[in-house]
Amino acid sequence: MAVCLQYQSVYVRREARTISAKAQVVAAVAILGVLGARVWAKLEATDLGYQLAQARQQTVELDMERRELELQRSVLMRPDSLAKSAREMVQLSDHSPGKTIKVTY
């Protein structure tokens, strides 16, 4: 009879240690939720990293374009370039003292 009691006490201990199926499902869902949140956060961080890299590249391209346009503006605003454009577009010529007329009222 003593042997039967020992087996019975072992089974009682096992039943006390086991977790119900409902608790296991809840724990599994909680773990999956946490892991899903971590994966989502990692994907968002990666996406933001790509957006940041693209914005940096666009900033570099726009800065290069700005520098190029500033160089073109400085070339066009030089006095000799302005004089050349005035001669070509408006047919202006250099001032000659012999062609000067004084107008009086």
PDB file of N, CA and C in Angstrom:
ATOM      1  N   MET A   1       0.805  -1.182   0.000  1.00  0.00           N
ATOM      2  CA  MET A   1       0.000   0.000   0.000  1.00  0.00           C
ATOM      3  C   MET A   1       0.854   1.255   0.000  1.00  0.00           C
ATOM      4  N   ALA A   2       1.977   1.174   0.600  1.00  0.00           N
ATOM      5  CA  ALA A   2       2.874   2.324   0.672  1.00  0.00           C
ATOM      6  C   ALA A   2       3.370   2.719  -0.708  1.00  0.00           C
ATOM      7  N   VAL A   3       3.562   1.723  -1.550  1.00  0.00           N
ATOM      8  CA  VAL A   3       4.045   1.996  -2.896  1.00  0.00           C
ATOM      9  C   VAL A   3       3.001   2.781  -3.670  1.00  0.00           C
ATOM     10  N   CYS A   4       1.780   2.431  -3.520  1.00  0.00           N
ATOM     11  CA  CYS A   4       0.718   3.141  -4.220  1.00  0.00           C
ATOM     12  C   CYS A   4       0.620   4.588  -3.766  1.00  0.00           C
ATOM     13  N   LEU A   5       0.828   4.852  -2.510  1.00  0.00           N
ATOM     14  CA  LEU A   5       0.781   6.210  -2.007  1.00  0.00           C
ATOM     15  C   LEU A   5       1.920   7.051  -2.586  1.00  0.00           C
ATOM     16  N   GLN A   6       3.082   6.442  -2.741  1.00  0.00           N
ATOM     17  CA  GLN A   6       4.204   7.189  -3.295  1.00  0.00           C
ATOM     18  C   GLN A   6       3.932   7.569  -4.749  1.00  0.00           C
ATOM     19  N   TYR A   7       3.381   6.633  -5.515  1.00  0.00           N
ATOM     20  CA  TYR A   7       3.040   6.968  -6.890  1.00  0.00           C
ATOM     21  C   TYR A   7       1.981   8.062  -6.943  1.00  0.00           C
ATOM     22  N   GLN A   8       1.046   7.974  -6.080  1.00  0.00           N
ATOM     23  CA  GLN A   8      -0.024   8.958  -6.038  1.00  0.00           C
ATOM     24  C   GLN A   8       0.530  10.340  -5.680  1.00  0.00           C
ATOM     25  N   SER A   9       1.455  10.410  -4.762  1.00  0.00           N
ATOM     26  CA  SER A   9       2.030  11.700  -4.402  1.00  0.00           C
ATOM     27  C   SER A   9       2.845  12.288  -5.553  1.00  0.00           C
ATOM     28  N   VAL A  10       3.481  11.455  -6.350  1.00  0.00           N
ATOM     29  CA  VAL A  10       4.230  11.942  -7.524  1.00  0.00           C
ATOM     30  C   VAL A  10       3.261  12.546  -8.533  1.00  0.00           C
ATOM     31  N   TYR A  11       2.144  11.872  -8.777  1.00  0.00           N
ATOM     32  CA  TYR A  11       1.163  12.394  -9.722  1.00  0.00           C
ATOM     33  C   TYR A  11       0.521  13.680  -9.211  1.00  0.00           C
ATOM     34  N   VAL A  12       0.347  13.787  -7.942  1.00  0.00           N
ATOM     35  CA  VAL A  12      -0.217  15.011  -7.370  1.00  0.00           C
ATOM     36  C   VAL A  12       0.757  16.161  -7.571  1.00  0.00           C
ATOM     37  N   ARG A  13       2.024  15.913  -7.369  1.00  0.00           N
ATOM     38  CA  ARG A  13       3.035  16.951  -7.585  1.00  0.00           C
ATOM     39  C   ARG A  13       3.070  17.384  -9.057  1.00  0.00           C
ATOM     40  N   ARG A  14       2.960  16.434  -9.973  1.00  0.00           N
ATOM     41  CA  ARG A  14       2.957  16.773 -11.403  1.00  0.00           C
ATOM     42  C   ARG A  14       1.750  17.645 -11.746  1.00  0.00           C
ATOM     43  N   GLU A  15       0.625  17.303 -11.222  1.00  0.00           N
ATOM     44  CA  GLU A  15      -0.566  18.101 -11.494  1.00  0.00           C
ATOM     45  C   GLU A  15      -0.424  19.510 -10.937  1.00  0.00           C
ATOM     46  N   ALA A  16       0.242  19.640  -9.842  1.00  0.00           N
ATOM     47  CA  ALA A  16       0.442  20.969  -9.250  1.00  0.00           C
ATOM     48  C   ALA A  16       1.398  21.799 -10.094  1.00  0.00           C
ATOM     49  N   ARG A  17       2.351  21.163 -10.736  1.00  0.00           N
ATOM     50  CA  ARG A  17       3.336  21.877 -11.548  1.00  0.00           C
ATOM     51  C   ARG A  17       2.828  22.225 -12.942  1.00  0.00           C
ATOM     52  N   THR A  18       1.935  21.513 -13.465  1.00  0.00           N
ATOM     53  CA  THR A  18       1.472  21.758 -14.835  1.00  0.00           C
ATOM     54  C   THR A  18       0.688  23.060 -14.910  1.00  0.00           C
ATOM     55  N   ILE A  19       0.833  23.715 -16.054  1.00  0.00           N
ATOM     56  CA  ILE A  19       0.129  24.968 -16.307  1.00  0.00           C
ATOM     57  C   ILE A  19      -1.031  24.658 -17.235  1.00  0.00           C
ATOM     58  N   SER A  20      -2.136  25.277 -17.013  1.00  0.00           N
ATOM     59  CA  SER A  20      -3.312  24.990 -17.827  1.00  0.00           C
ATOM     60  C   SER A  20      -3.082  25.424 -19.276  1.00  0.00           C
ATOM     61  N   ALA A  21      -3.823  24.842 -20.167  1.00  0.00           N
ATOM     62  CA  ALA A  21      -3.694  25.149 -21.593  1.00  0.00           C
ATOM     63  C   ALA A  21      -4.052  26.606 -21.867  1.00  0.00           C
ATOM     64  N   LYS A  22      -5.028  27.110 -21.160  1.00  0.00           N
ATOM     65  CA  LYS A  22      -5.429  28.507 -21.327  1.00  0.00           C
ATOM     66  C   LYS A  22      -4.294  29.456 -20.963  1.00  0.00           C
ATOM     67  N   ALA A  23      -3.599  29.150 -19.851  1.00  0.00           N
ATOM     68  CA  ALA A  23      -2.466  29.981 -19.437  1.00  0.00           C
ATOM     69  C   ALA A  23      -1.321  29.876 -20.435  1.00  0.00           C
ATOM     70  N   GLN A  24      -1.110  28.699 -20.998  1.00  0.00           N
ATOM     71  CA  GLN A  24      -0.062  28.521 -22.006  1.00  0.00           C
ATOM     72  C   GLN A  24      -0.370  29.329 -23.257  1.00  0.00           C
ATOM     73  N   VAL A  25      -1.620  29.320 -23.684  1.00  0.00           N
ATOM     74  CA  VAL A  25      -2.015  30.089 -24.872  1.00  0.00           C
ATOM     75  C   VAL A  25      -1.841  31.577 -24.619  1.00  0.00           C
ATOM     76  N   VAL A  26      -2.244  32.022 -23.445  1.00  0.00           N
ATOM     77  CA  VAL A  26      -2.101  33.439 -23.094  1.00  0.00           C
ATOM     78  C   VAL A  26      -0.624  33.825 -23.085  1.00  0.00           C
ATOM     79  N   ALA A  27       0.224  32.985 -22.511  1.00  0.00           N
ATOM     80  CA  ALA A  27       1.660  33.264 -22.473  1.00  0.00           C
ATOM     81  C   ALA A  27       2.247  33.287 -23.877  1.00  0.00           C
ATOM     82  N   ALA A  28       1.839  32.344 -24.724  1.00  0.00           N
ATOM     83  CA  ALA A  28       2.345  32.299 -26.095  1.00  0.00           C
ATOM     84  C   ALA A  28       1.925  33.542 -26.870  1.00  0.00           C
ATOM     85  N   VAL A  29       0.673  33.958 -26.706  1.00  0.00           N
ATOM     86  CA  VAL A  29       0.187  35.162 -27.387  1.00  0.00           C
ATOM     87  C   VAL A  29       0.948  36.387 -26.891  1.00  0.00           C
ATOM     88  N   ALA A  30       1.207  36.449 -25.596  1.00  0.00           N
ATOM     89  CA  ALA A  30       1.958  37.584 -25.048  1.00  0.00           C
ATOM     90  C   ALA A  30       3.378  37.620 -25.604  1.00  0.00           C
ATOM     91  N   ILE A  31       4.024  36.472 -25.666  1.00  0.00           N
ATOM     92  CA  ILE A  31       5.387  36.408 -26.216  1.00  0.00           C
ATOM     93  C   ILE A  31       5.384  36.792 -27.682  1.00  0.00           C
ATOM     94  N   LEU A  32       4.427  36.281 -28.448  1.00  0.00           N
ATOM     95  CA  LEU A  32       4.337  36.640 -29.861  1.00  0.00           C
ATOM     96  C   LEU A  32       4.059  38.129 -30.040  1.00  0.00           C
ATOM     97  N   GLY A  33       3.247  38.687 -29.162  1.00  0.00           N
ATOM     98  CA  GLY A  33       2.973  40.127 -29.239  1.00  0.00           C
ATOM     99  C   GLY A  33       4.223  40.950 -28.996  1.00  0.00           C
ATOM    100  N   VAL A  34       4.984  40.561 -27.991  1.00  0.00           N
ATOM    101  CA  VAL A  34       6.229  41.290 -27.682  1.00  0.00           C
ATOM    102  C   VAL A  34       7.220  41.147 -28.830  1.00  0.00           C
ATOM    103  N   LEU A  35       7.368  39.942 -29.350  1.00  0.00           N
ATOM    104  CA  LEU A  35       8.291  39.733 -30.471  1.00  0.00           C
ATOM    105  C   LEU A  35       7.826  40.487 -31.715  1.00  0.00           C
ATOM    106  N   GLY A  36       6.532  40.495 -31.952  1.00  0.00           N
ATOM    107  CA  GLY A  36       6.000  41.254 -33.095  1.00  0.00           C
ATOM    108  C   GLY A  36       6.265  42.733 -32.945  1.00  0.00           C
ATOM    109  N   ALA A  37       6.117  43.248 -31.736  1.00  0.00           N
ATOM    110  CA  ALA A  37       6.400  44.669 -31.496  1.00  0.00           C
ATOM    111  C   ALA A  37       7.872  44.981 -31.730  1.00  0.00           C
ATOM    112  N   ARG A  38       8.746  44.086 -31.309  1.00  0.00           N
ATOM    113  CA  ARG A  38      10.183  44.312 -31.526  1.00  0.00           C
ATOM    114  C   ARG A  38      10.517  44.306 -33.015  1.00  0.00           C
ATOM    115  N   VAL A  39       9.935  43.366 -33.756  1.00  0.00           N
ATOM    116  CA  VAL A  39      10.172  43.304 -35.203  1.00  0.00           C
ATOM    117  C   VAL A  39       9.647  44.572 -35.870  1.00  0.00           C
ATOM    118  N   TRP A  40       8.458  45.009 -35.471  1.00  0.00           N
ATOM    119  CA  TRP A  40       7.882  46.232 -36.044  1.00  0.00           C
ATOM    120  C   TRP A  40       8.773  47.443 -35.749  1.00  0.00           C
ATOM    121  N   ALA A  41       9.264  47.543 -34.525  1.00  0.00           N
ATOM    122  CA  ALA A  41      10.134  48.668 -34.159  1.00  0.00           C
ATOM    123  C   ALA A  41      11.425  48.626 -34.961  1.00  0.00           C
ATOM    124  N   LYS A  42      11.971  47.447 -35.173  1.00  0.00           N
ATOM    125  CA  LYS A  42      13.216  47.318 -35.956  1.00  0.00           C
ATOM    126  C   LYS A  42      12.967  47.708 -37.413  1.00  0.00           C
ATOM    127  N   LEU A  43      11.822  47.300 -37.964  1.00  0.00           N
ATOM    128  CA  LEU A  43      11.497  47.675 -39.341  1.00  0.00           C
ATOM    129  C   LEU A  43      11.314  49.184 -39.470  1.00  0.00           C
ATOM    130  N   GLU A  44      10.663  49.791 -38.500  1.00  0.00           N
ATOM    131  CA  GLU A  44      10.472  51.248 -38.533  1.00  0.00           C
ATOM    132  C   GLU A  44      11.813  51.971 -38.445  1.00  0.00           C
ATOM    133  N   ALA A  45      12.701  51.475 -37.592  1.00  0.00           N
ATOM    134  CA  ALA A  45      14.022  52.096 -37.461  1.00  0.00           C
ATOM    135  C   ALA A  45      14.808  51.962 -38.764  1.00  0.00           C
ATOM    136  N   THR A  46      14.711  50.812 -39.408  1.00  0.00           N
ATOM    137  CA  THR A  46      15.398  50.612 -40.685  1.00  0.00           C
ATOM    138  C   THR A  46      14.833  51.535 -41.747  1.00  0.00           C
ATOM    139  N   ASP A  47      13.517  51.664 -41.791  1.00  0.00           N
ATOM    140  CA  ASP A  47      12.872  52.547 -42.762  1.00  0.00           C
ATOM    141  C   ASP A  47      13.288  54.000 -42.533  1.00  0.00           C
ATOM    142  N   LEU A  48      13.322  54.416 -41.281  1.00  0.00           N
ATOM    143  CA  LEU A  48      13.766  55.782 -40.974  1.00  0.00           C
ATOM    144  C   LEU A  48      15.222  55.994 -41.360  1.00  0.00           C
ATOM    145  N   GLY A  49      16.044  54.958 -41.196  1.00  0.00           N
ATOM    146  CA  GLY A  49      17.444  55.048 -41.612  1.00  0.00           C
ATOM    147  C   GLY A  49      17.566  55.266 -43.108  1.00  0.00           C
ATOM    148  N   TYR A  50      16.769  54.535 -43.885  1.00  0.00           N
ATOM    149  CA  TYR A  50      16.786  54.719 -45.337  1.00  0.00           C
ATOM    150  C   TYR A  50      16.298  56.119 -45.722  1.00  0.00           C
ATOM    151  N   GLN A  51      15.264  56.592 -45.051  1.00  0.00           N
ATOM    152  CA  GLN A  51      14.770  57.943 -45.341  1.00  0.00           C
ATOM    153  C   GLN A  51      15.814  58.992 -45.003  1.00  0.00           C
ATOM    154  N   LEU A  52      16.520  58.791 -43.910  1.00  0.00           N
ATOM    155  CA  LEU A  52      17.576  59.728 -43.517  1.00  0.00           C
ATOM    156  C   LEU A  52      18.709  59.734 -44.530  1.00  0.00           C
ATOM    157  N   ALA A  53      19.103  58.560 -44.999  1.00  0.00           N
ATOM    158  CA  ALA A  53      20.158  58.474 -46.009  1.00  0.00           C
ATOM    159  C   ALA A  53      19.726  59.167 -47.299  1.00  0.00           C
ATOM    160  N   GLN A  54      18.471  58.979 -47.683  1.00  0.00           N
ATOM    161  CA  GLN A  54      17.968  59.622 -48.894  1.00  0.00           C
ATOM    162  C   GLN A  54      17.934  61.139 -48.722  1.00  0.00           C
ATOM    163  N   ALA A  55      17.535  61.614 -47.559  1.00  0.00           N
ATOM    164  CA  ALA A  55      17.498  63.056 -47.306  1.00  0.00           C
ATOM    165  C   ALA A  55      18.905  63.643 -47.318  1.00  0.00           C
ATOM    166  N   ARG A  56      19.867  62.920 -46.759  1.00  0.00           N
ATOM    167  CA  ARG A  56      21.259  63.392 -46.796  1.00  0.00           C
ATOM    168  C   ARG A  56      21.765  63.474 -48.225  1.00  0.00           C
ATOM    169  N   GLN A  57      21.463  62.459 -49.026  1.00  0.00           N
ATOM    170  CA  GLN A  57      21.894  62.462 -50.425  1.00  0.00           C
ATOM    171  C   GLN A  57      21.263  63.634 -51.167  1.00  0.00           C
ATOM    172  N   GLN A  58      19.990  63.884 -50.931  1.00  0.00           N
ATOM    173  CA  GLN A  58      19.313  65.001 -51.578  1.00  0.00           C
ATOM    174  C   GLN A  58      19.915  66.325 -51.125  1.00  0.00           C
ATOM    175  N   THR A  59      20.292  66.421 -49.855  1.00  0.00           N
ATOM    176  CA  THR A  59      20.923  67.637 -49.344  1.00  0.00           C
ATOM    177  C   THR A  59      22.252  67.883 -50.042  1.00  0.00           C
ATOM    178  N   VAL A  60      23.032  66.841 -50.224  1.00  0.00           N
ATOM    179  CA  VAL A  60      24.319  66.978 -50.913  1.00  0.00           C
ATOM    180  C   VAL A  60      24.099  67.415 -52.358  1.00  0.00           C
ATOM    181  N   GLU A  61      23.138  66.808 -53.043  1.00  0.00           N
ATOM    182  CA  GLU A  61      22.863  67.165 -54.435  1.00  0.00           C
ATOM    183  C   GLU A  61      22.397  68.618 -54.550  1.00  0.00           C
ATOM    184  N   LEU A  62      21.510  69.033 -53.649  1.00  0.00           N
ATOM    185  CA  LEU A  62      21.024  70.415 -53.692  1.00  0.00           C
ATOM    186  C   LEU A  62      22.129  71.408 -53.369  1.00  0.00           C
ATOM    187  N   ASP A  63      23.023  71.045 -52.458  1.00  0.00           N
ATOM    188  CA  ASP A  63      24.147  71.923 -52.136  1.00  0.00           C
ATOM    189  C   ASP A  63      25.082  72.067 -53.330  1.00  0.00           C
ATOM    190  N   MET A  64      25.318  70.967 -54.031  1.00  0.00           N
ATOM    191  CA  MET A  64      26.169  71.032 -55.232  1.00  0.00           C
ATOM    192  C   MET A  64      25.509  71.897 -56.303  1.00  0.00           C
ATOM    193  N   GLU A  65      24.208  71.755 -56.480  1.00  0.00           N
ATOM    194  CA  GLU A  65      23.489  72.567 -57.461  1.00  0.00           C
ATOM    195  C   GLU A  65      23.532  74.048 -57.079  1.00  0.00           C
ATOM    196  N   ARG A  66      23.373  74.337 -55.781  1.00  0.00           N
ATOM    197  CA  ARG A  66      23.438  75.730 -55.312  1.00  0.00           C
ATOM    198  C   ARG A  66      24.810  76.330 -55.591  1.00  0.00           C
ATOM    199  N   ARG A  67      25.869  75.556 -55.328  1.00  0.00           N
ATOM    200  CA  ARG A  67      27.223  76.056 -55.593  1.00  0.00           C
ATOM    201  C   ARG A  67      27.438  76.313 -57.083  1.00  0.00           C
ATOM    202  N   GLU A  68      26.930  75.405 -57.910  1.00  0.00           N
ATOM    203  CA  GLU A  68      27.071  75.584 -59.356  1.00  0.00           C
ATOM    204  C   GLU A  68      26.334  76.835 -59.825  1.00  0.00           C
ATOM    205  N   LEU A  69      25.128  77.058 -59.302  1.00  0.00           N
ATOM    206  CA  LEU A  69      24.360  78.240 -59.688  1.00  0.00           C
ATOM    207  C   LEU A  69      25.017  79.527 -59.183  1.00  0.00           C
ATOM    208  N   GLU A  70      25.603  79.493 -57.997  1.00  0.00           N
ATOM    209  CA  GLU A  70      26.323  80.664 -57.495  1.00  0.00           C
ATOM    210  C   GLU A  70      27.524  80.980 -58.379  1.00  0.00           C
ATOM    211  N   LEU A  71      28.216  79.941 -58.842  1.00  0.00           N
ATOM    212  CA  LEU A  71      29.347  80.142 -59.745  1.00  0.00           C
ATOM    213  C   LEU A  71      28.885  80.747 -61.064  1.00  0.00           C
ATOM    214  N   GLN A  72      27.802  80.227 -61.616  1.00  0.00           N
ATOM    215  CA  GLN A  72      27.271  80.785 -62.869  1.00  0.00           C
ATOM    216  C   GLN A  72      26.857  82.241 -62.679  1.00  0.00           C
ATOM    217  N   ARG A  73      26.227  82.557 -61.551  1.00  0.00           N
ATOM    218  CA  ARG A  73      25.816  83.933 -61.276  1.00  0.00           C
ATOM    219  C   ARG A  73      27.016  84.857 -61.154  1.00  0.00           C
ATOM    220  N   SER A  74      28.052  84.394 -60.479  1.00  0.00           N
ATOM    221  CA  SER A  74      29.227  85.240 -60.327  1.00  0.00           C
ATOM    222  C   SER A  74      29.909  85.476 -61.676  1.00  0.00           C
ATOM    223  N   VAL A  75      29.897  84.473 -62.548  1.00  0.00           N
ATOM    224  CA  VAL A  75      30.484  84.652 -63.887  1.00  0.00           C
ATOM    225  C   VAL A  75      29.648  85.638 -64.694  1.00  0.00           C
ATOM    226  N   LEU A  76      28.327  85.507 -64.613  1.00  0.00           N
ATOM    227  CA  LEU A  76      27.453  86.401 -65.381  1.00  0.00           C
ATOM    228  C   LEU A  76      27.457  87.830 -64.850  1.00  0.00           C
ATOM    229  N   MET A  77      27.743  88.029 -63.582  1.00  0.00           N
ATOM    230  CA  MET A  77      27.723  89.366 -62.992  1.00  0.00           C
ATOM    231  C   MET A  77      29.073  90.090 -63.096  1.00  0.00           C
ATOM    232  N   ARG A  78      30.065  89.447 -63.682  1.00  0.00           N
ATOM    233  CA  ARG A  78      31.353  90.141 -63.856  1.00  0.00           C
ATOM    234  C   ARG A  78      31.156  91.311 -64.816  1.00  0.00           C
ATOM    235  N   PRO A  79      31.886  92.413 -64.596  1.00  0.00           N
ATOM    236  CA  PRO A  79      31.712  93.597 -65.452  1.00  0.00           C
ATOM    237  C   PRO A  79      31.964  93.315 -66.932  1.00  0.00           C
ATOM    238  N   ASP A  80      32.992  92.540 -67.268  1.00  0.00           N
ATOM    239  CA  ASP A  80      33.260  92.271 -68.679  1.00  0.00           C
ATOM    240  C   ASP A  80      32.156  91.421 -69.299  1.00  0.00           C
ATOM    241  N   SER A  81      31.580  90.502 -68.517  1.00  0.00           N
ATOM    242  CA  SER A  81      30.485  89.690 -69.029  1.00  0.00           C
ATOM    243  C   SER A  81      29.225  90.537 -69.225  1.00  0.00           C
ATOM    244  N   LEU A  82      28.961  91.453 -68.301  1.00  0.00           N
ATOM    245  CA  LEU A  82      27.820  92.354 -68.452  1.00  0.00           C
ATOM    246  C   LEU A  82      27.985  93.263 -69.665  1.00  0.00           C
ATOM    247  N   ALA A  83      29.194  93.762 -69.880  1.00  0.00           N
ATOM    248  CA  ALA A  83      29.448  94.630 -71.045  1.00  0.00           C
ATOM    249  C   ALA A  83      29.247  93.858 -72.346  1.00  0.00           C
ATOM    250  N   LYS A  84      29.718  92.624 -72.371  1.00  0.00           N
ATOM    251  CA  LYS A  84      29.559  91.792 -73.575  1.00  0.00           C
ATOM    252  C   LYS A  84      28.076  91.531 -73.846  1.00  0.00           C
ATOM    253  N   SER A  85      27.323  91.232 -72.794  1.00  0.00           N
ATOM    254  CA  SER A  85      25.886  90.992 -72.970  1.00  0.00           C
ATOM    255  C   SER A  85      25.173  92.255 -73.436  1.00  0.00           C
ATOM    256  N   ALA A  86      25.581  93.405 -72.913  1.00  0.00           N
ATOM    257  CA  ALA A  86      24.955  94.668 -73.326  1.00  0.00           C
ATOM    258  C   ALA A  86      25.231  94.939 -74.803  1.00  0.00           C
ATOM    259  N   ARG A  87      26.447  94.688 -75.246  1.00  0.00           N
ATOM    260  CA  ARG A  87      26.761  94.902 -76.673  1.00  0.00           C
ATOM    261  C   ARG A  87      25.956  93.968 -77.562  1.00  0.00           C
ATOM    262  N   GLU A  88      25.832  92.722 -77.160  1.00  0.00           N
ATOM    263  CA  GLU A  88      25.144  91.737 -77.990  1.00  0.00           C
ATOM    264  C   GLU A  88      23.629  91.930 -77.983  1.00  0.00           C
ATOM    265  N   MET A  89      23.042  92.143 -76.833  1.00  0.00           N
ATOM    266  CA  MET A  89      21.587  92.172 -76.733  1.00  0.00           C
ATOM    267  C   MET A  89      20.995  93.528 -77.108  1.00  0.00           C
ATOM    268  N   VAL A  90      21.611  94.609 -76.690  1.00  0.00           N
ATOM    269  CA  VAL A  90      21.029  95.934 -76.880  1.00  0.00           C
ATOM    270  C   VAL A  90      21.796  96.736 -77.941  1.00  0.00           C
ATOM    271  N   GLN A  91      22.821  96.168 -78.485  1.00  0.00           N
ATOM    272  CA  GLN A  91      23.705  96.820 -79.451  1.00  0.00           C
ATOM    273  C   GLN A  91      24.297  98.118 -78.881  1.00  0.00           C
ATOM    274  N   LEU A  92      24.701  98.082 -77.645  1.00  0.00           N
ATOM    275  CA  LEU A  92      25.389  99.217 -77.051  1.00  0.00           C
ATOM    276  C   LEU A  92      26.840  99.177 -77.494  1.00  0.00           C
ATOM    277  N   SER A  93      27.427 100.332 -77.602  1.00  0.00           N
ATOM    278  CA  SER A  93      28.842 100.387 -77.981  1.00  0.00           C
ATOM    279  C   SER A  93      29.592 101.201 -76.932  1.00  0.00           C
ATOM    280  N   ASP A  94      30.892 101.142 -77.021  1.00  0.00           N
ATOM    281  CA  ASP A  94      31.712 101.904 -76.094  1.00  0.00           C
ATOM    282  C   ASP A  94      31.538 103.393 -76.353  1.00  0.00           C
ATOM    283  N   HIS A  95      31.744 104.152 -75.302  1.00  0.00           N
ATOM    284  CA  HIS A  95      31.614 105.605 -75.381  1.00  0.00           C
ATOM    285  C   HIS A  95      32.834 106.182 -76.093  1.00  0.00           C
ATOM    286  N   SER A  96      32.571 107.002 -77.101  1.00  0.00           N
ATOM    287  CA  SER A  96      33.670 107.700 -77.779  1.00  0.00           C
ATOM    288  C   SER A  96      33.436 109.204 -77.649  1.00  0.00           C
ATOM    289  N   PRO A  97      34.458 109.962 -77.273  1.00  0.00           N
ATOM    290  CA  PRO A  97      34.274 111.392 -77.038  1.00  0.00           C
ATOM    291  C   PRO A  97      33.808 112.154 -78.285  1.00  0.00           C
ATOM    292  N   GLY A  98      34.129 111.691 -79.467  1.00  0.00           N
ATOM    293  CA  GLY A  98      33.736 112.396 -80.687  1.00  0.00           C
ATOM    294  C   GLY A  98      32.243 112.305 -80.966  1.00  0.00           C
ATOM    295  N   LYS A  99      31.580 111.309 -80.455  1.00  0.00           N
ATOM    296  CA  LYS A  99      30.152 111.118 -80.710  1.00  0.00           C
ATOM    297  C   LYS A  99      29.282 111.709 -79.604  1.00  0.00           C
ATOM    298  N   THR A 100      29.897 112.371 -78.658  1.00  0.00           N
ATOM    299  CA  THR A 100      29.145 112.902 -77.520  1.00  0.00           C
ATOM    300  C   THR A 100      28.497 114.215 -77.913  1.00  0.00           C
ATOM    301  N   ILE A 101      27.240 114.387 -77.586  1.00  0.00           N
ATOM    302  CA  ILE A 101      26.498 115.625 -77.866  1.00  0.00           C
ATOM    303  C   ILE A 101      26.011 116.151 -76.536  1.00  0.00           C
ATOM    304  N   LYS A 102      26.218 117.432 -76.326  1.00  0.00           N
ATOM    305  CA  LYS A 102      25.768 118.057 -75.091  1.00  0.00           C
ATOM    306  C   LYS A 102      24.391 118.648 -75.352  1.00  0.00           C
ATOM    307  N   VAL A 103      23.446 118.275 -74.506  1.00  0.00           N
ATOM    308  CA  VAL A 103      22.077 118.763 -74.668  1.00  0.00           C
ATOM    309  C   VAL A 103      21.838 119.788 -73.581  1.00  0.00           C
ATOM    310  N   THR A 104      21.358 120.961 -73.982  1.00  0.00           N
ATOM    311  CA  THR A 104      21.048 122.015 -73.024  1.00  0.00           C
ATOM    312  C   THR A 104      19.613 122.447 -73.217  1.00  0.00           C
ATOM    313  N   TYR A 105      19.030 122.983 -72.180  1.00  0.00           N
ATOM    314  CA  TYR A 105      17.667 123.478 -72.260  1.00  0.00           C
ATOM    315  C   TYR A 105      17.668 124.947 -72.482  1.00  0.00           C
TER     316      TYR A 105
END
